Each structure stands twice: as structure tokens, then as C-alpha cells.
Amino acid sequence: FGTSTTVVSYSYFDNEKRIVVTEVMNLRQKQSDGADFTGEKV
């Protein structure tokens, strides 16, 4: 949770590989003209 930008990541346990997987989320955001925008930085 940043002052200017927020980034979200997630982790889960991969049962097959027996490891913890971590990735950054690409979240959907609306532009001022109504168009969709997807990015890691919010």
C-alpha cells in the first residue's frame, strides 16, 4: 500500500511441485473514458 502506487502479489502452495508460488497480480482499472486498463501498478 503505497502513497502514490499500490502493488498486489499472491502466493499459494503448489501441491504437485511442493513449492510456494508467488506472482504479481495484474488488476483491472477503468480509464477516464470508460476503457479497461490492466496493470501491475495501481
PDB file of all heavy atoms in Angstrom:
ATOM      1  N   PHE A   1       0.855  -1.193   0.000  1.00  0.00           N
ATOM      2  CA  PHE A   1       0.000   0.000   0.000  1.00  0.00           C
ATOM      3  C   PHE A   1       0.888   1.239   0.000  1.00  0.00           C
ATOM      4  O   PHE A   1       1.424   1.634   1.024  1.00  0.00           O
ATOM      5  CB  PHE A   1      -0.913  -0.038   1.226  1.00  0.00           C
ATOM      6  CG  PHE A   1      -1.799   1.164   1.397  1.00  0.00           C
ATOM      7  CD1 PHE A   1      -2.475   1.718   0.318  1.00  0.00           C
ATOM      8  CD2 PHE A   1      -1.975   1.732   2.652  1.00  0.00           C
ATOM      9  CE1 PHE A   1      -3.301   2.817   0.485  1.00  0.00           C
ATOM     10  CE2 PHE A   1      -2.796   2.821   2.835  1.00  0.00           C
ATOM     11  CZ  PHE A   1      -3.451   3.378   1.743  1.00  0.00           C
ATOM     12  N   GLY A   2       1.054   1.835  -1.181  1.00  0.00           N
ATOM     13  CA  GLY A   2       1.956   2.972  -1.314  1.00  0.00           C
ATOM     14  C   GLY A   2       1.244   4.303  -1.323  1.00  0.00           C
ATOM     15  O   GLY A   2       0.036   4.383  -1.561  1.00  0.00           O
ATOM     16  N   THR A   3       1.992   5.361  -1.084  1.00  0.00           N
ATOM     17  CA  THR A   3       1.424   6.704  -1.112  1.00  0.00           C
ATOM     18  C   THR A   3       0.941   7.062  -2.508  1.00  0.00           C
ATOM     19  O   THR A   3      -0.131   7.646  -2.680  1.00  0.00           O
ATOM     20  CB  THR A   3       2.467   7.738  -0.651  1.00  0.00           C
ATOM     21  OG1 THR A   3       2.924   7.392   0.658  1.00  0.00           O
ATOM     22  CG2 THR A   3       1.878   9.135  -0.620  1.00  0.00           C
ATOM     23  N   SER A   4       1.714   6.705  -3.526  1.00  0.00           N
ATOM     24  CA  SER A   4       1.338   7.038  -4.904  1.00  0.00           C
ATOM     25  C   SER A   4       0.912   5.812  -5.701  1.00  0.00           C
ATOM     26  O   SER A   4       0.062   5.912  -6.587  1.00  0.00           O
ATOM     27  CB  SER A   4       2.497   7.726  -5.626  1.00  0.00           C
ATOM     28  OG  SER A   4       3.582   6.835  -5.797  1.00  0.00           O
ATOM     29  N   THR A   5       1.501   4.639  -5.401  1.00  0.00           N
ATOM     30  CA  THR A   5       1.224   3.433  -6.183  1.00  0.00           C
ATOM     31  C   THR A   5       1.107   2.227  -5.263  1.00  0.00           C
ATOM     32  O   THR A   5       1.867   2.094  -4.296  1.00  0.00           O
ATOM     33  CB  THR A   5       2.348   3.181  -7.204  1.00  0.00           C
ATOM     34  OG1 THR A   5       2.528   4.341  -8.012  1.00  0.00           O
ATOM     35  CG2 THR A   5       2.016   1.997  -8.106  1.00  0.00           C
ATOM     36  N   THR A   6       0.164   1.358  -5.580  1.00  0.00           N
ATOM     37  CA  THR A   6      -0.042   0.130  -4.814  1.00  0.00           C
ATOM     38  C   THR A   6       0.171  -1.071  -5.733  1.00  0.00           C
ATOM     39  O   THR A   6      -0.251  -1.050  -6.894  1.00  0.00           O
ATOM     40  CB  THR A   6      -1.457   0.099  -4.216  1.00  0.00           C
ATOM     41  OG1 THR A   6      -1.572   1.155  -3.254  1.00  0.00           O
ATOM     42  CG2 THR A   6      -1.756  -1.231  -3.543  1.00  0.00           C
ATOM     43  N   VAL A   7       0.837  -2.094  -5.209  1.00  0.00           N
ATOM     44  CA  VAL A   7       1.089  -3.326  -5.965  1.00  0.00           C
ATOM     45  C   VAL A   7       0.597  -4.499  -5.132  1.00  0.00           C
ATOM     46  O   VAL A   7       0.801  -4.538  -3.912  1.00  0.00           O
ATOM     47  CB  VAL A   7       2.587  -3.484  -6.293  1.00  0.00           C
ATOM     48  CG1 VAL A   7       2.839  -4.801  -7.015  1.00  0.00           C
ATOM     49  CG2 VAL A   7       3.078  -2.316  -7.142  1.00  0.00           C
ATOM     50  N   VAL A   8      -0.040  -5.464  -5.799  1.00  0.00           N
ATOM     51  CA  VAL A   8      -0.597  -6.631  -5.117  1.00  0.00           C
ATOM     52  C   VAL A   8       0.062  -7.889  -5.669  1.00  0.00           C
ATOM     53  O   VAL A   8       0.176  -8.070  -6.884  1.00  0.00           O
ATOM     54  CB  VAL A   8      -2.126  -6.722  -5.313  1.00  0.00           C
ATOM     55  CG1 VAL A   8      -2.690  -7.919  -4.562  1.00  0.00           C
ATOM     56  CG2 VAL A   8      -2.804  -5.432  -4.837  1.00  0.00           C
ATOM     57  N   SER A   9       0.488  -8.781  -4.790  1.00  0.00           N
ATOM     58  CA  SER A   9       1.040 -10.075  -5.200  1.00  0.00           C
ATOM     59  C   SER A   9       0.298 -11.184  -4.458  1.00  0.00           C
ATOM     60  O   SER A   9      -0.423 -10.920  -3.487  1.00  0.00           O
ATOM     61  CB  SER A   9       2.536 -10.156  -4.894  1.00  0.00           C
ATOM     62  OG  SER A   9       2.767 -10.021  -3.507  1.00  0.00           O
ATOM     63  N   TYR A  10       0.467 -12.411  -4.941  1.00  0.00           N
ATOM     64  CA  TYR A  10      -0.204 -13.523  -4.284  1.00  0.00           C
ATOM     65  C   TYR A  10       0.724 -14.733  -4.245  1.00  0.00           C
ATOM     66  O   TYR A  10       1.615 -14.896  -5.076  1.00  0.00           O
ATOM     67  CB  TYR A  10      -1.514 -13.875  -4.994  1.00  0.00           C
ATOM     68  CG  TYR A  10      -1.342 -14.468  -6.379  1.00  0.00           C
ATOM     69  CD1 TYR A  10      -1.364 -15.852  -6.594  1.00  0.00           C
ATOM     70  CD2 TYR A  10      -1.156 -13.645  -7.487  1.00  0.00           C
ATOM     71  CE1 TYR A  10      -1.213 -16.396  -7.857  1.00  0.00           C
ATOM     72  CE2 TYR A  10      -1.003 -14.177  -8.759  1.00  0.00           C
ATOM     73  CZ  TYR A  10      -1.032 -15.550  -8.942  1.00  0.00           C
ATOM     74  OH  TYR A  10      -0.868 -16.076 -10.196  1.00  0.00           O
ATOM     75  N   SER A  11       0.491 -15.595  -3.257  1.00  0.00           N
ATOM     76  CA  SER A  11       1.250 -16.837  -3.112  1.00  0.00           C
ATOM     77  C   SER A  11       0.292 -17.978  -2.812  1.00  0.00           C
ATOM     78  O   SER A  11      -0.764 -17.776  -2.209  1.00  0.00           O
ATOM     79  CB  SER A  11       2.267 -16.728  -1.972  1.00  0.00           C
ATOM     80  OG  SER A  11       3.271 -15.784  -2.267  1.00  0.00           O
ATOM     81  N   TYR A  12       0.691 -19.173  -3.234  1.00  0.00           N
ATOM     82  CA  TYR A  12      -0.067 -20.372  -2.891  1.00  0.00           C
ATOM     83  C   TYR A  12       0.882 -21.559  -2.919  1.00  0.00           C
ATOM     84  O   TYR A  12       1.973 -21.497  -3.494  1.00  0.00           O
ATOM     85  CB  TYR A  12      -1.243 -20.583  -3.852  1.00  0.00           C
ATOM     86  CG  TYR A  12      -0.828 -20.892  -5.273  1.00  0.00           C
ATOM     87  CD1 TYR A  12      -0.690 -22.207  -5.721  1.00  0.00           C
ATOM     88  CD2 TYR A  12      -0.568 -19.858  -6.173  1.00  0.00           C
ATOM     89  CE1 TYR A  12      -0.303 -22.492  -7.021  1.00  0.00           C
ATOM     90  CE2 TYR A  12      -0.181 -20.126  -7.479  1.00  0.00           C
ATOM     91  CZ  TYR A  12      -0.053 -21.447  -7.892  1.00  0.00           C
ATOM     92  OH  TYR A  12       0.350 -21.711  -9.180  1.00  0.00           O
ATOM     93  N   PHE A  13       0.471 -22.632  -2.295  1.00  0.00           N
ATOM     94  CA  PHE A  13       1.292 -23.838  -2.248  1.00  0.00           C
ATOM     95  C   PHE A  13       0.935 -24.741  -3.418  1.00  0.00           C
ATOM     96  O   PHE A  13      -0.218 -25.162  -3.566  1.00  0.00           O
ATOM     97  CB  PHE A  13       1.085 -24.577  -0.926  1.00  0.00           C
ATOM     98  CG  PHE A  13       2.061 -25.695  -0.700  1.00  0.00           C
ATOM     99  CD1 PHE A  13       3.319 -25.429  -0.192  1.00  0.00           C
ATOM    100  CD2 PHE A  13       1.742 -27.011  -1.003  1.00  0.00           C
ATOM    101  CE1 PHE A  13       4.231 -26.449   0.021  1.00  0.00           C
ATOM    102  CE2 PHE A  13       2.632 -28.039  -0.798  1.00  0.00           C
ATOM    103  CZ  PHE A  13       3.890 -27.746  -0.287  1.00  0.00           C
ATOM    104  N   ASP A  14       1.928 -25.030  -4.271  1.00  0.00           N
ATOM    105  CA  ASP A  14       1.735 -25.915  -5.414  1.00  0.00           C
ATOM    106  C   ASP A  14       1.894 -27.360  -4.934  1.00  0.00           C
ATOM    107  O   ASP A  14       2.995 -27.790  -4.586  1.00  0.00           O
ATOM    108  CB  ASP A  14       2.761 -25.596  -6.509  1.00  0.00           C
ATOM    109  CG  ASP A  14       2.484 -26.340  -7.802  1.00  0.00           C
ATOM    110  OD1 ASP A  14       2.252 -27.563  -7.741  1.00  0.00           O
ATOM    111  OD2 ASP A  14       2.510 -25.713  -8.872  1.00  0.00           O
ATOM    112  N   ASN A  15       0.785 -28.079  -4.909  1.00  0.00           N
ATOM    113  CA  ASN A  15       0.806 -29.455  -4.373  1.00  0.00           C
ATOM    114  C   ASN A  15       1.691 -30.386  -5.193  1.00  0.00           C
ATOM    115  O   ASN A  15       2.339 -31.283  -4.646  1.00  0.00           O
ATOM    116  CB  ASN A  15      -0.621 -30.008  -4.327  1.00  0.00           C
ATOM    117  CG  ASN A  15      -1.454 -29.350  -3.243  1.00  0.00           C
ATOM    118  OD1 ASN A  15      -1.012 -29.235  -2.119  1.00  0.00           O
ATOM    119  ND2 ASN A  15      -2.647 -28.905  -3.606  1.00  0.00           N
ATOM    120  N   GLU A  16       1.713 -30.206  -6.514  1.00  0.00           N
ATOM    121  CA  GLU A  16       2.483 -31.103  -7.367  1.00  0.00           C
ATOM    122  C   GLU A  16       3.986 -30.870  -7.226  1.00  0.00           C
ATOM    123  O   GLU A  16       4.775 -31.798  -7.066  1.00  0.00           O
ATOM    124  CB  GLU A  16       2.055 -30.933  -8.823  1.00  0.00           C
ATOM    125  CG  GLU A  16       0.627 -31.394  -9.100  1.00  0.00           C
ATOM    126  CD  GLU A  16       0.261 -31.260 -10.573  1.00  0.00           C
ATOM    127  OE1 GLU A  16       1.148 -30.896 -11.371  1.00  0.00           O
ATOM    128  OE2 GLU A  16      -0.906 -31.511 -10.916  1.00  0.00           O
ATOM    129  N   LYS A  17       4.380 -29.594  -7.285  1.00  0.00           N
ATOM    130  CA  LYS A  17       5.803 -29.259  -7.219  1.00  0.00           C
ATOM    131  C   LYS A  17       6.316 -29.124  -5.791  1.00  0.00           C
ATOM    132  O   LYS A  17       7.528 -29.056  -5.561  1.00  0.00           O
ATOM    133  CB  LYS A  17       6.068 -27.968  -7.982  1.00  0.00           C
ATOM    134  CG  LYS A  17       5.756 -28.065  -9.470  1.00  0.00           C
ATOM    135  CD  LYS A  17       6.052 -26.743 -10.168  1.00  0.00           C
ATOM    136  CE  LYS A  17       5.749 -26.840 -11.661  1.00  0.00           C
ATOM    137  NZ  LYS A  17       5.990 -25.546 -12.356  1.00  0.00           N
ATOM    138  N   ARG A  18       5.360 -29.063  -4.833  1.00  0.00           N
ATOM    139  CA  ARG A  18       5.725 -28.934  -3.408  1.00  0.00           C
ATOM    140  C   ARG A  18       6.537 -27.673  -3.142  1.00  0.00           C
ATOM    141  O   ARG A  18       7.510 -27.671  -2.395  1.00  0.00           O
ATOM    142  CB  ARG A  18       6.496 -30.167  -2.915  1.00  0.00           C
ATOM    143  CG  ARG A  18       5.845 -31.499  -3.228  1.00  0.00           C
ATOM    144  CD  ARG A  18       4.524 -31.671  -2.522  1.00  0.00           C
ATOM    145  NE  ARG A  18       4.668 -31.694  -1.063  1.00  0.00           N
ATOM    146  CZ  ARG A  18       3.634 -31.732  -0.223  1.00  0.00           C
ATOM    147  NH1 ARG A  18       2.400 -31.722  -0.692  1.00  0.00           N
ATOM    148  NH2 ARG A  18       3.828 -31.761   1.069  1.00  0.00           N
ATOM    149  N   ILE A  19       6.113 -26.583  -3.782  1.00  0.00           N
ATOM    150  CA  ILE A  19       6.792 -25.299  -3.578  1.00  0.00           C
ATOM    151  C   ILE A  19       5.743 -24.207  -3.408  1.00  0.00           C
ATOM    152  O   ILE A  19       4.571 -24.369  -3.754  1.00  0.00           O
ATOM    153  CB  ILE A  19       7.699 -24.929  -4.782  1.00  0.00           C
ATOM    154  CG1 ILE A  19       6.874 -24.847  -6.066  1.00  0.00           C
ATOM    155  CG2 ILE A  19       8.846 -25.909  -4.916  1.00  0.00           C
ATOM    156  CD1 ILE A  19       7.650 -24.289  -7.242  1.00  0.00           C
ATOM    157  N   VAL A  20       6.179 -23.073  -2.863  1.00  0.00           N
ATOM    158  CA  VAL A  20       5.314 -21.905  -2.754  1.00  0.00           C
ATOM    159  C   VAL A  20       5.516 -21.043  -4.004  1.00  0.00           C
ATOM    160  O   VAL A  20       6.638 -20.648  -4.321  1.00  0.00           O
ATOM    161  CB  VAL A  20       5.635 -21.077  -1.490  1.00  0.00           C
ATOM    162  CG1 VAL A  20       4.817 -19.789  -1.476  1.00  0.00           C
ATOM    163  CG2 VAL A  20       5.352 -21.897  -0.235  1.00  0.00           C
ATOM    164  N   VAL A  21       4.439 -20.793  -4.724  1.00  0.00           N
ATOM    165  CA  VAL A  21       4.476 -19.986  -5.946  1.00  0.00           C
ATOM    166  C   VAL A  21       4.059 -18.556  -5.614  1.00  0.00           C
ATOM    167  O   VAL A  21       3.067 -18.345  -4.899  1.00  0.00           O
ATOM    168  CB  VAL A  21       3.532 -20.564  -7.021  1.00  0.00           C
ATOM    169  CG1 VAL A  21       3.543 -19.697  -8.282  1.00  0.00           C
ATOM    170  CG2 VAL A  21       3.929 -21.997  -7.352  1.00  0.00           C
ATOM    171  N   THR A  22       4.809 -17.583  -6.120  1.00  0.00           N
ATOM    172  CA  THR A  22       4.495 -16.176  -5.873  1.00  0.00           C
ATOM    173  C   THR A  22       4.464 -15.426  -7.192  1.00  0.00           C
ATOM    174  O   THR A  22       5.389 -15.545  -7.998  1.00  0.00           O
ATOM    175  CB  THR A  22       5.540 -15.527  -4.944  1.00  0.00           C
ATOM    176  OG1 THR A  22       5.573 -16.241  -3.711  1.00  0.00           O
ATOM    177  CG2 THR A  22       5.197 -14.079  -4.664  1.00  0.00           C
ATOM    178  N   GLU A  23       3.403 -14.666  -7.419  1.00  0.00           N
ATOM    179  CA  GLU A  23       3.245 -13.883  -8.639  1.00  0.00           C
ATOM    180  C   GLU A  23       2.654 -12.521  -8.301  1.00  0.00           C
ATOM    181  O   GLU A  23       2.030 -12.344  -7.252  1.00  0.00           O
ATOM    182  CB  GLU A  23       2.321 -14.596  -9.639  1.00  0.00           C
ATOM    183  CG  GLU A  23       2.796 -15.962 -10.089  1.00  0.00           C
ATOM    184  CD  GLU A  23       3.967 -15.913 -11.050  1.00  0.00           C
ATOM    185  OE1 GLU A  23       4.259 -14.803 -11.551  1.00  0.00           O
ATOM    186  OE2 GLU A  23       4.573 -16.967 -11.313  1.00  0.00           O
ATOM    187  N   VAL A  24       2.827 -11.567  -9.222  1.00  0.00           N
ATOM    188  CA  VAL A  24       2.212 -10.254  -9.088  1.00  0.00           C
ATOM    189  C   VAL A  24       0.875 -10.260  -9.822  1.00  0.00           C
ATOM    190  O   VAL A  24       0.748 -10.839 -10.895  1.00  0.00           O
ATOM    191  CB  VAL A  24       3.118  -9.146  -9.667  1.00  0.00           C
ATOM    192  CG1 VAL A  24       2.447  -7.776  -9.564  1.00  0.00           C
ATOM    193  CG2 VAL A  24       4.447  -9.120  -8.927  1.00  0.00           C
ATOM    194  N   MET A  25      -0.127  -9.621  -9.242  1.00  0.00           N
ATOM    195  CA  MET A  25      -1.440  -9.558  -9.871  1.00  0.00           C
ATOM    196  C   MET A  25      -1.528  -8.407 -10.870  1.00  0.00           C
ATOM    197  O   MET A  25      -1.062  -7.297 -10.585  1.00  0.00           O
ATOM    198  CB  MET A  25      -2.534  -9.346  -8.814  1.00  0.00           C
ATOM    199  CG  MET A  25      -2.856 -10.554  -7.981  1.00  0.00           C
ATOM    200  SD  MET A  25      -4.308 -10.250  -6.942  1.00  0.00           S
ATOM    201  CE  MET A  25      -4.454 -11.833  -6.105  1.00  0.00           C
ATOM    202  N   ASN A  26      -2.113  -8.664 -12.011  1.00  0.00           N
ATOM    203  CA  ASN A  26      -2.476  -7.620 -12.960  1.00  0.00           C
ATOM    204  C   ASN A  26      -3.944  -7.279 -12.723  1.00  0.00           C
ATOM    205  O   ASN A  26      -4.824  -8.079 -13.058  1.00  0.00           O
ATOM    206  CB  ASN A  26      -2.269  -8.097 -14.403  1.00  0.00           C
ATOM    207  CG  ASN A  26      -0.808  -8.098 -14.791  1.00  0.00           C
ATOM    208  OD1 ASN A  26      -0.212  -7.055 -15.039  1.00  0.00           O
ATOM    209  ND2 ASN A  26      -0.214  -9.282 -14.820  1.00  0.00           N
ATOM    210  N   LEU A  27      -4.197  -6.131 -12.151  1.00  0.00           N
ATOM    211  CA  LEU A  27      -5.553  -5.776 -11.766  1.00  0.00           C
ATOM    212  C   LEU A  27      -6.198  -4.842 -12.779  1.00  0.00           C
ATOM    213  O   LEU A  27      -5.557  -3.956 -13.345  1.00  0.00           O
ATOM    214  CB  LEU A  27      -5.549  -5.126 -10.378  1.00  0.00           C
ATOM    215  CG  LEU A  27      -5.057  -6.024  -9.231  1.00  0.00           C
ATOM    216  CD1 LEU A  27      -5.146  -5.283  -7.916  1.00  0.00           C
ATOM    217  CD2 LEU A  27      -5.857  -7.321  -9.165  1.00  0.00           C
ATOM    218  N   ARG A  28      -7.496  -5.025 -12.956  1.00  0.00           N
ATOM    219  CA  ARG A  28      -8.275  -4.228 -13.906  1.00  0.00           C
ATOM    220  C   ARG A  28      -8.620  -2.872 -13.301  1.00  0.00           C
ATOM    221  O   ARG A  28      -9.022  -2.778 -12.142  1.00  0.00           O
ATOM    222  CB  ARG A  28      -9.553  -4.990 -14.266  1.00  0.00           C
ATOM    223  CG  ARG A  28     -10.441  -4.322 -15.295  1.00  0.00           C
ATOM    224  CD  ARG A  28     -11.688  -5.148 -15.506  1.00  0.00           C
ATOM    225  NE  ARG A  28     -12.356  -5.357 -14.212  1.00  0.00           N
ATOM    226  CZ  ARG A  28     -13.333  -6.234 -14.028  1.00  0.00           C
ATOM    227  NH1 ARG A  28     -13.712  -7.022 -15.011  1.00  0.00           N
ATOM    228  NH2 ARG A  28     -13.908  -6.357 -12.836  1.00  0.00           N
ATOM    229  N   GLN A  29      -8.460  -1.832 -14.105  1.00  0.00           N
ATOM    230  CA  GLN A  29      -8.778  -0.469 -13.683  1.00  0.00           C
ATOM    231  C   GLN A  29      -9.471   0.243 -14.837  1.00  0.00           C
ATOM    232  O   GLN A  29      -9.217  -0.052 -15.996  1.00  0.00           O
ATOM    233  CB  GLN A  29      -7.509   0.285 -13.292  1.00  0.00           C
ATOM    234  CG  GLN A  29      -6.671  -0.422 -12.236  1.00  0.00           C
ATOM    235  CD  GLN A  29      -5.195  -0.046 -12.284  1.00  0.00           C
ATOM    236  OE1 GLN A  29      -4.851   1.123 -12.150  1.00  0.00           O
ATOM    237  NE2 GLN A  29      -4.336  -1.029 -12.492  1.00  0.00           N
ATOM    238  N   LYS A  30     -10.333   1.180 -14.526  1.00  0.00           N
ATOM    239  CA  LYS A  30     -11.054   1.929 -15.545  1.00  0.00           C
ATOM    240  C   LYS A  30     -10.322   3.230 -15.883  1.00  0.00           C
ATOM    241  O   LYS A  30      -9.860   3.949 -15.004  1.00  0.00           O
ATOM    242  CB  LYS A  30     -12.469   2.277 -15.060  1.00  0.00           C
ATOM    243  CG  LYS A  30     -13.444   1.105 -15.068  1.00  0.00           C
ATOM    244  CD  LYS A  30     -13.840   0.720 -16.480  1.00  0.00           C
ATOM    245  CE  LYS A  30     -14.920  -0.359 -16.468  1.00  0.00           C
ATOM    246  NZ  LYS A  30     -15.270  -0.795 -17.835  1.00  0.00           N
ATOM    247  N   GLN A  31     -10.229   3.522 -17.181  1.00  0.00           N
ATOM    248  CA  GLN A  31      -9.720   4.803 -17.633  1.00  0.00           C
ATOM    249  C   GLN A  31     -10.833   5.842 -17.540  1.00  0.00           C
ATOM    250  O   GLN A  31     -12.009   5.505 -17.371  1.00  0.00           O
ATOM    251  CB  GLN A  31      -9.239   4.704 -19.088  1.00  0.00           C
ATOM    252  CG  GLN A  31      -8.083   3.740 -19.298  1.00  0.00           C
ATOM    253  CD  GLN A  31      -6.742   4.374 -18.971  1.00  0.00           C
ATOM    254  OE1 GLN A  31      -6.662   5.322 -18.181  1.00  0.00           O
ATOM    255  NE2 GLN A  31      -5.692   3.876 -19.577  1.00  0.00           N
ATOM    256  N   SER A  32     -10.466   7.116 -17.656  1.00  0.00           N
ATOM    257  CA  SER A  32     -11.466   8.181 -17.546  1.00  0.00           C
ATOM    258  C   SER A  32     -12.487   8.129 -18.670  1.00  0.00           C
ATOM    259  O   SER A  32     -13.612   8.623 -18.513  1.00  0.00           O
ATOM    260  CB  SER A  32     -10.768   9.544 -17.519  1.00  0.00           C
ATOM    261  OG  SER A  32      -9.959   9.717 -18.670  1.00  0.00           O
ATOM    262  N   ASP A  33     -12.124   7.533 -19.817  1.00  0.00           N
ATOM    263  CA  ASP A  33     -13.069   7.422 -20.930  1.00  0.00           C
ATOM    264  C   ASP A  33     -13.894   6.146 -20.873  1.00  0.00           C
ATOM    265  O   ASP A  33     -14.660   5.838 -21.788  1.00  0.00           O
ATOM    266  CB  ASP A  33     -12.333   7.511 -22.273  1.00  0.00           C
ATOM    267  CG  ASP A  33     -11.322   6.380 -22.471  1.00  0.00           C
ATOM    268  OD1 ASP A  33     -11.200   5.519 -21.567  1.00  0.00           O
ATOM    269  OD2 ASP A  33     -10.632   6.370 -23.507  1.00  0.00           O
ATOM    270  N   GLY A  34     -13.740   5.365 -19.798  1.00  0.00           N
ATOM    271  CA  GLY A  34     -14.503   4.148 -19.625  1.00  0.00           C
ATOM    272  C   GLY A  34     -13.817   2.894 -20.114  1.00  0.00           C
ATOM    273  O   GLY A  34     -14.291   1.779 -19.864  1.00  0.00           O
ATOM    274  N   ALA A  35     -12.687   3.040 -20.813  1.00  0.00           N
ATOM    275  CA  ALA A  35     -11.964   1.876 -21.326  1.00  0.00           C
ATOM    276  C   ALA A  35     -11.288   1.124 -20.182  1.00  0.00           C
ATOM    277  O   ALA A  35     -10.908   1.720 -19.166  1.00  0.00           O
ATOM    278  CB  ALA A  35     -10.924   2.320 -22.349  1.00  0.00           C
ATOM    279  N   ASP A  36     -11.135  -0.190 -20.362  1.00  0.00           N
ATOM    280  CA  ASP A  36     -10.461  -1.009 -19.356  1.00  0.00           C
ATOM    281  C   ASP A  36      -8.946  -0.899 -19.502  1.00  0.00           C
ATOM    282  O   ASP A  36      -8.422  -0.806 -20.612  1.00  0.00           O
ATOM    283  CB  ASP A  36     -10.869  -2.476 -19.488  1.00  0.00           C
ATOM    284  CG  ASP A  36     -12.245  -2.737 -18.906  1.00  0.00           C
ATOM    285  OD1 ASP A  36     -12.670  -1.967 -18.027  1.00  0.00           O
ATOM    286  OD2 ASP A  36     -12.896  -3.713 -19.336  1.00  0.00           O
ATOM    287  N   PHE A  37      -8.270  -0.908 -18.362  1.00  0.00           N
ATOM    288  CA  PHE A  37      -6.804  -0.923 -18.321  1.00  0.00           C
ATOM    289  C   PHE A  37      -6.404  -1.973 -17.299  1.00  0.00           C
ATOM    290  O   PHE A  37      -6.979  -2.052 -16.212  1.00  0.00           O
ATOM    291  CB  PHE A  37      -6.268   0.447 -17.925  1.00  0.00           C
ATOM    292  CG  PHE A  37      -4.784   0.459 -17.656  1.00  0.00           C
ATOM    293  CD1 PHE A  37      -3.882   0.624 -18.692  1.00  0.00           C
ATOM    294  CD2 PHE A  37      -4.289   0.290 -16.367  1.00  0.00           C
ATOM    295  CE1 PHE A  37      -2.509   0.631 -18.448  1.00  0.00           C
ATOM    296  CE2 PHE A  37      -2.926   0.287 -16.116  1.00  0.00           C
ATOM    297  CZ  PHE A  37      -2.041   0.461 -17.168  1.00  0.00           C
ATOM    298  N   THR A  38      -5.417  -2.795 -17.642  1.00  0.00           N
ATOM    299  CA  THR A  38      -4.935  -3.817 -16.721  1.00  0.00           C
ATOM    300  C   THR A  38      -3.441  -3.646 -16.506  1.00  0.00           C
ATOM    301  O   THR A  38      -2.687  -3.507 -17.471  1.00  0.00           O
ATOM    302  CB  THR A  38      -5.213  -5.231 -17.282  1.00  0.00           C
ATOM    303  OG1 THR A  38      -6.609  -5.367 -17.503  1.00  0.00           O
ATOM    304  CG2 THR A  38      -4.775  -6.297 -16.297  1.00  0.00           C
ATOM    305  N   GLY A  39      -3.023  -3.627 -15.249  1.00  0.00           N
ATOM    306  CA  GLY A  39      -1.603  -3.453 -14.967  1.00  0.00           C
ATOM    307  C   GLY A  39      -1.242  -3.903 -13.569  1.00  0.00           C
ATOM    308  O   GLY A  39      -2.111  -4.086 -12.701  1.00  0.00           O
ATOM    309  N   GLU A  40       0.061  -4.096 -13.350  1.00  0.00           N
ATOM    310  CA  GLU A  40       0.554  -4.500 -12.033  1.00  0.00           C
ATOM    311  C   GLU A  40       0.487  -3.350 -11.032  1.00  0.00           C
ATOM    312  O   GLU A  40       0.287  -3.570  -9.843  1.00  0.00           O
ATOM    313  CB  GLU A  40       2.010  -4.971 -12.144  1.00  0.00           C
ATOM    314  CG  GLU A  40       2.198  -6.229 -12.982  1.00  0.00           C
ATOM    315  CD  GLU A  40       3.653  -6.634 -13.072  1.00  0.00           C
ATOM    316  OE1 GLU A  40       4.522  -5.874 -12.564  1.00  0.00           O
ATOM    317  OE2 GLU A  40       3.951  -7.691 -13.644  1.00  0.00           O
ATOM    318  N   LYS A  41       0.669  -2.136 -11.523  1.00  0.00           N
ATOM    319  CA  LYS A  41       0.679  -0.973 -10.639  1.00  0.00           C
ATOM    320  C   LYS A  41      -0.698  -0.329 -10.596  1.00  0.00           C
ATOM    321  O   LYS A  41      -1.291  -0.053 -11.634  1.00  0.00           O
ATOM    322  CB  LYS A  41       1.716   0.042 -11.114  1.00  0.00           C
ATOM    323  CG  LYS A  41       3.147  -0.477 -11.071  1.00  0.00           C
ATOM    324  CD  LYS A  41       4.120   0.570 -11.581  1.00  0.00           C
ATOM    325  CE  LYS A  41       5.552   0.050 -11.539  1.00  0.00           C
ATOM    326  NZ  LYS A  41       6.522   1.049 -12.056  1.00  0.00           N
ATOM    327  N   VAL A  42      -1.182  -0.093  -9.383  1.00  0.00           N
ATOM    328  CA  VAL A  42      -2.468   0.572  -9.193  1.00  0.00           C
ATOM    329  C   VAL A  42      -2.204   1.912  -8.511  1.00  0.00           C
ATOM    330  O   VAL A  42      -1.869   1.941  -7.315  1.00  0.00           O
ATOM    331  CB  VAL A  42      -3.423  -0.273  -8.323  1.00  0.00           C
ATOM    332  CG1 VAL A  42      -4.762   0.437  -8.163  1.00  0.00           C
ATOM    333  CG2 VAL A  42      -3.619  -1.659  -8.926  1.00  0.00           C
TER     334      VAL A  42
END
